[in-house]
N, C-alpha and C. Protein backbone atom coordinates (compact mmCIF):
# COMPACT_ATOMS: atom_id res chain seq x y z
N MET A 1 104.60 4.40 2.04
CA MET A 1 103.57 5.30 2.53
C MET A 1 102.77 5.87 1.37
N ALA A 2 101.48 6.06 1.59
CA ALA A 2 100.61 6.55 0.54
C ALA A 2 100.31 8.04 0.69
N PHE A 3 100.85 8.67 1.69
CA PHE A 3 100.55 10.09 1.90
C PHE A 3 101.20 10.94 0.83
N GLY A 4 100.44 11.88 0.30
CA GLY A 4 100.99 12.79 -0.68
C GLY A 4 101.04 12.25 -2.09
N ARG A 5 100.60 11.02 -2.30
CA ARG A 5 100.60 10.48 -3.66
C ARG A 5 99.46 11.09 -4.45
N LYS A 6 99.75 11.40 -5.70
CA LYS A 6 98.72 11.94 -6.58
C LYS A 6 97.98 10.78 -7.24
N ASN A 7 96.66 10.87 -7.27
CA ASN A 7 95.86 9.85 -7.91
C ASN A 7 95.99 10.01 -9.42
N ASP A 8 96.55 9.00 -10.09
CA ASP A 8 96.78 9.07 -11.53
C ASP A 8 95.55 8.72 -12.35
N GLU A 9 94.53 8.14 -11.71
CA GLU A 9 93.31 7.79 -12.43
C GLU A 9 92.52 9.04 -12.79
N GLU A 10 92.04 9.06 -14.02
CA GLU A 10 91.20 10.18 -14.46
C GLU A 10 89.79 9.96 -13.92
N ILE A 11 89.19 11.01 -13.38
CA ILE A 11 87.82 10.93 -12.88
C ILE A 11 86.88 11.15 -14.06
N LYS A 12 86.03 10.14 -14.33
CA LYS A 12 85.10 10.24 -15.45
C LYS A 12 83.80 10.86 -14.97
N LEU A 13 83.41 11.97 -15.61
CA LEU A 13 82.15 12.64 -15.30
C LEU A 13 81.16 12.36 -16.42
N GLU A 14 79.90 12.27 -16.04
CA GLU A 14 78.85 11.96 -17.00
C GLU A 14 77.55 12.62 -16.56
N GLU A 15 76.75 13.06 -17.53
CA GLU A 15 75.42 13.59 -17.23
C GLU A 15 74.60 12.43 -16.67
N THR A 16 74.16 12.53 -15.42
CA THR A 16 73.52 11.43 -14.70
C THR A 16 72.10 11.80 -14.30
N LYS A 17 71.17 10.87 -14.50
CA LYS A 17 69.79 11.09 -14.08
C LYS A 17 69.72 10.94 -12.56
N ILE A 18 69.12 11.95 -11.90
CA ILE A 18 68.98 11.93 -10.44
C ILE A 18 67.54 12.27 -10.07
N TRP A 19 67.23 12.09 -8.79
CA TRP A 19 65.94 12.48 -8.21
C TRP A 19 66.23 13.50 -7.12
N VAL A 20 65.55 14.65 -7.18
CA VAL A 20 65.77 15.77 -6.26
C VAL A 20 64.53 15.95 -5.40
N CYS A 21 64.73 16.19 -4.11
CA CYS A 21 63.62 16.41 -3.18
C CYS A 21 62.91 17.71 -3.54
N ASN A 22 61.57 17.69 -3.51
CA ASN A 22 60.76 18.86 -3.84
C ASN A 22 60.60 19.84 -2.68
N SER A 23 60.95 19.44 -1.48
CA SER A 23 60.80 20.30 -0.31
C SER A 23 61.81 21.45 -0.34
N GLU A 24 61.35 22.67 0.01
CA GLU A 24 62.23 23.83 0.06
C GLU A 24 63.33 23.69 1.10
N ASN A 25 63.02 22.99 2.19
CA ASN A 25 63.94 22.89 3.33
C ASN A 25 64.90 21.72 3.23
N CYS A 26 64.81 20.92 2.18
CA CYS A 26 65.65 19.72 2.06
C CYS A 26 66.47 19.82 0.79
N LYS A 27 67.73 19.46 0.86
CA LYS A 27 68.62 19.50 -0.30
C LYS A 27 69.01 18.10 -0.77
N SER A 28 68.26 17.11 -0.38
CA SER A 28 68.59 15.72 -0.67
C SER A 28 68.38 15.39 -2.15
N TRP A 29 69.20 14.49 -2.66
CA TRP A 29 69.04 13.94 -4.00
C TRP A 29 69.65 12.54 -4.02
N ILE A 30 69.19 11.71 -4.97
CA ILE A 30 69.74 10.36 -5.13
C ILE A 30 69.90 10.07 -6.61
N ARG A 31 70.86 9.23 -6.93
CA ARG A 31 71.06 8.78 -8.31
C ARG A 31 69.90 7.87 -8.70
N ASP A 32 69.51 7.92 -9.97
CA ASP A 32 68.42 7.10 -10.45
C ASP A 32 68.73 5.61 -10.29
N ASN A 33 69.97 5.21 -10.52
CA ASN A 33 70.30 3.78 -10.43
C ASN A 33 70.47 3.29 -8.98
N PHE A 34 70.23 4.16 -8.00
CA PHE A 34 70.27 3.76 -6.59
C PHE A 34 68.91 3.96 -5.90
N LYS A 35 67.88 4.29 -6.66
CA LYS A 35 66.57 4.51 -6.07
C LYS A 35 65.95 3.18 -5.65
N SER A 36 64.99 3.23 -4.73
CA SER A 36 64.39 2.01 -4.20
C SER A 36 63.01 1.72 -4.76
N SER A 37 62.43 2.66 -5.52
CA SER A 37 61.13 2.46 -6.16
C SER A 37 61.08 3.28 -7.45
N ASP A 38 60.03 3.08 -8.24
CA ASP A 38 59.92 3.81 -9.51
C ASP A 38 59.90 5.32 -9.31
N VAL A 39 59.11 5.78 -8.35
CA VAL A 39 59.07 7.20 -7.98
C VAL A 39 59.39 7.27 -6.49
N PRO A 40 60.65 7.50 -6.15
CA PRO A 40 61.06 7.44 -4.75
C PRO A 40 60.58 8.62 -3.92
N LEU A 41 60.48 8.38 -2.62
CA LEU A 41 60.26 9.45 -1.65
C LEU A 41 61.63 9.84 -1.10
N CYS A 42 61.74 11.07 -0.67
CA CYS A 42 63.01 11.55 -0.11
C CYS A 42 63.41 10.69 1.09
N PRO A 43 64.63 10.18 1.11
CA PRO A 43 65.06 9.36 2.24
C PRO A 43 65.24 10.16 3.53
N ILE A 44 65.33 11.48 3.42
CA ILE A 44 65.54 12.34 4.59
C ILE A 44 64.22 12.83 5.18
N CYS A 45 63.38 13.45 4.33
CA CYS A 45 62.16 14.09 4.86
C CYS A 45 60.86 13.44 4.38
N LYS A 46 60.96 12.43 3.53
CA LYS A 46 59.81 11.66 3.00
C LYS A 46 58.91 12.48 2.07
N SER A 47 59.40 13.58 1.52
CA SER A 47 58.65 14.37 0.54
C SER A 47 58.77 13.72 -0.84
N GLU A 48 57.94 14.17 -1.77
CA GLU A 48 58.03 13.67 -3.13
C GLU A 48 59.32 14.17 -3.77
N MET A 49 59.76 13.44 -4.80
CA MET A 49 60.98 13.81 -5.51
C MET A 49 60.66 13.95 -7.00
N SER A 50 61.47 14.73 -7.70
CA SER A 50 61.29 14.89 -9.14
C SER A 50 62.60 14.60 -9.87
N GLU A 51 62.47 14.18 -11.12
CA GLU A 51 63.65 13.83 -11.93
C GLU A 51 64.42 15.07 -12.35
N SER A 52 65.73 14.89 -12.45
CA SER A 52 66.61 15.96 -12.90
C SER A 52 67.89 15.31 -13.42
N THR A 53 68.87 16.10 -13.80
CA THR A 53 70.17 15.57 -14.20
C THR A 53 71.26 16.39 -13.52
N LYS A 54 72.43 15.76 -13.40
CA LYS A 54 73.57 16.41 -12.75
C LYS A 54 74.85 15.80 -13.32
N GLU A 55 75.88 16.59 -13.48
CA GLU A 55 77.18 16.10 -13.93
C GLU A 55 77.89 15.48 -12.73
N LEU A 56 78.03 14.14 -12.75
CA LEU A 56 78.58 13.41 -11.61
C LEU A 56 79.64 12.41 -12.03
N GLN A 57 80.45 12.00 -11.06
CA GLN A 57 81.42 10.94 -11.29
C GLN A 57 80.66 9.64 -11.56
N VAL A 58 81.15 8.85 -12.51
CA VAL A 58 80.51 7.59 -12.88
C VAL A 58 80.66 6.58 -11.75
N ILE A 59 79.53 6.04 -11.28
CA ILE A 59 79.51 4.99 -10.27
C ILE A 59 78.51 3.94 -10.73
N HIS A 60 78.92 2.69 -10.74
CA HIS A 60 78.03 1.61 -11.17
C HIS A 60 77.44 0.91 -9.96
N ASN A 61 76.13 0.66 -10.01
CA ASN A 61 75.44 -0.06 -8.94
C ASN A 61 75.31 -1.51 -9.38
N HIS A 62 76.05 -2.40 -8.75
CA HIS A 62 76.03 -3.80 -9.11
C HIS A 62 75.05 -4.62 -8.27
N SER A 63 74.27 -3.96 -7.45
CA SER A 63 73.29 -4.63 -6.61
C SER A 63 72.21 -5.25 -7.47
N LYS A 64 71.75 -6.43 -7.11
CA LYS A 64 70.73 -7.12 -7.89
C LYS A 64 69.33 -6.67 -7.51
N ASN A 65 69.15 -5.93 -6.42
CA ASN A 65 67.82 -5.58 -5.97
C ASN A 65 67.45 -4.12 -6.24
N PHE A 66 68.15 -3.44 -7.16
CA PHE A 66 67.72 -2.10 -7.51
C PHE A 66 66.79 -2.19 -8.73
N MET A 67 66.00 -1.14 -8.96
CA MET A 67 65.01 -1.17 -10.04
C MET A 67 65.57 -0.62 -11.32
């Protein structure tokens, strides 16, 4: 059984480039390596987004169709 097991892997955090929605009413953000265009629109409300950074767990995007 896997219940109650402690995860022995260390979680790696890294300063990551993200895109944040500019709308006051939306809290959406996306990682830069998962964006669908050079300057993405918010996937939730379609507002413009601006670049920022955030301390996040390292995730690699192995998709061949990202920019």
